[in-house]
C-alpha cells in the first residue's frame, strides 16, 4: 500500500468530496435537501421530515474520511491504490447524546 503525505491526502480527499458534492446536487434539487462544501467539509442538511445533518470530513493525520450522521459516526480508512475510502474498513463509533436532565 502506498503511503500518502498529509498534503497528498488532503488533495485526494478534497477531490473525492467535490465529486460527491457534484453527484448529490441533482438529487438535492429534486428531493429538497442542501449540499454544501466549505473548507474541506461536506455538509448534507435535511429539513423534512425532521431536521438532520450529515457531515463528511477528512482527518489527514490518520488518513480517514469521517462521516457523522445523526447519532452515529463512521471512519473510513483511505486506500490510495483505490483512490477512495474503503468501506471494508468502516468502524462505527456511536456518538454520545446528552441525557435529558429535566424535572420529574
Protein backbone atom coordinates (compact mmCIF):
# COMPACT_ATOMS: atom_id res chain seq x y z
CA UNK A 1 0.00 0.00 0.00
CA UNK A 2 1.32 3.45 -0.94
CA UNK A 3 1.67 5.98 1.87
CA UNK A 4 0.28 9.44 1.17
CA UNK A 5 1.70 12.61 2.66
CA UNK A 6 -0.72 14.83 4.59
CA UNK A 7 -0.82 17.23 1.65
CA UNK A 8 -1.50 14.46 -0.91
CA UNK A 9 -4.22 13.02 1.31
CA UNK A 10 -5.89 16.43 1.65
CA UNK A 11 -5.79 16.93 -2.14
CA UNK A 12 -7.28 13.47 -2.78
CA UNK A 13 -9.91 13.96 -0.06
CA UNK A 14 -10.87 17.37 -1.49
CA UNK A 15 -11.23 15.82 -4.93
CA UNK A 16 -13.40 13.00 -3.58
CA UNK A 17 -15.63 15.42 -1.64
CA UNK A 18 -16.03 17.62 -4.72
CA UNK A 19 -17.09 14.55 -6.73
CA UNK A 20 -19.56 13.57 -4.03
CA UNK A 21 -20.99 17.09 -3.94
CA UNK A 22 -21.34 17.09 -7.73
CA UNK A 23 -23.15 13.73 -7.62
CA UNK A 24 -25.52 14.84 -4.84
CA UNK A 25 -26.53 18.25 -6.22
CA UNK A 26 -29.09 16.96 -8.78
CA UNK A 27 -30.71 14.80 -6.08
CA UNK A 28 -30.69 17.71 -3.62
CA UNK A 29 -32.68 19.84 -6.05
CA UNK A 30 -35.13 17.03 -6.72
CA UNK A 31 -35.61 15.87 -3.12
CA UNK A 32 -35.26 19.12 -1.18
CA UNK A 33 -32.06 18.84 0.82
CA UNK A 34 -28.97 21.05 0.84
CA UNK A 35 -25.38 20.14 0.00
CA UNK A 36 -22.58 22.50 0.96
CA UNK A 37 -18.82 22.06 0.59
CA UNK A 38 -16.83 24.60 2.56
CA UNK A 39 -13.25 24.49 3.88
CA UNK A 40 -12.89 20.81 3.01
CA UNK A 41 -16.04 19.73 4.87
CA UNK A 42 -19.16 18.47 3.09
CA UNK A 43 -22.49 19.03 4.85
CA UNK A 44 -25.75 17.46 3.77
CA UNK A 45 -28.73 19.06 5.50
CA UNK A 46 -32.29 17.73 5.56
CA UNK A 47 -35.22 19.76 6.88
CA UNK A 48 -38.08 17.31 6.26
CA UNK A 49 -39.49 15.14 7.67
CA UNK A 50 -37.28 16.20 10.61
CA UNK A 51 -34.07 18.23 10.71
CA UNK A 52 -30.90 16.18 10.22
CA UNK A 53 -27.33 16.88 9.14
CA UNK A 54 -24.61 14.62 7.77
CA UNK A 55 -21.04 15.89 7.95
CA UNK A 56 -18.27 14.34 5.83
CA UNK A 57 -14.73 15.49 6.65
CA UNK A 58 -11.16 14.32 6.12
CA UNK A 59 -8.85 13.53 9.03
CA UNK A 60 -5.39 13.76 7.48
CA UNK A 61 -3.23 12.52 10.38
CA UNK A 62 -4.97 9.11 10.34
CA UNK A 63 -5.80 9.10 6.58
CA UNK A 64 -9.51 8.66 7.17
CA UNK A 65 -12.73 10.24 5.99
CA UNK A 66 -15.13 10.73 8.89
CA UNK A 67 -18.89 10.73 8.42
CA UNK A 68 -21.16 11.94 11.21
CA UNK A 69 -24.80 11.14 10.59
CA UNK A 70 -27.34 11.94 13.26
CA UNK A 71 -26.39 9.80 16.27
CA UNK A 72 -23.66 7.73 14.58
CA UNK A 73 -20.23 8.30 13.15
CA UNK A 74 -18.21 6.28 10.66
CA UNK A 75 -14.48 6.28 9.99
CA UNK A 76 -13.43 5.24 6.50
CA UNK A 77 -9.78 4.32 6.01
CA UNK A 78 -8.29 5.76 2.84
CA UNK A 79 -6.78 3.30 0.36
CA UNK A 80 -4.65 5.30 -2.10
CA UNK A 81 -4.45 2.49 -4.65
CA UNK A 82 -8.23 2.65 -4.97
CA UNK A 83 -8.40 6.48 -4.68
CA UNK A 84 -11.46 6.11 -2.49
CA UNK A 85 -12.16 5.48 1.18
CA UNK A 86 -12.58 1.79 1.78
CA UNK A 87 -15.97 0.64 3.01
CA UNK A 88 -14.37 -2.60 4.13
CA UNK A 89 -12.63 -0.79 6.95
CA UNK A 90 -15.62 1.10 8.35
CA UNK A 91 -15.75 1.21 12.10
CA UNK A 92 -18.98 2.57 13.54
CA UNK A 93 -18.47 4.82 16.52
CA UNK A 94 -21.68 5.84 18.30
CA UNK A 95 -21.83 9.50 19.26
CA UNK A 96 -22.72 10.19 22.87
CA UNK A 97 -26.02 12.02 23.16
CA UNK A 98 -26.64 14.09 26.28
CA UNK A 99 -29.33 12.67 28.51
CA UNK A 100 -32.30 14.80 29.37
CA UNK A 101 -31.88 16.10 32.91
CA UNK A 102 -35.30 17.70 33.26
CA UNK A 103 -37.66 17.69 36.23
CA UNK A 104 -39.61 14.55 37.00
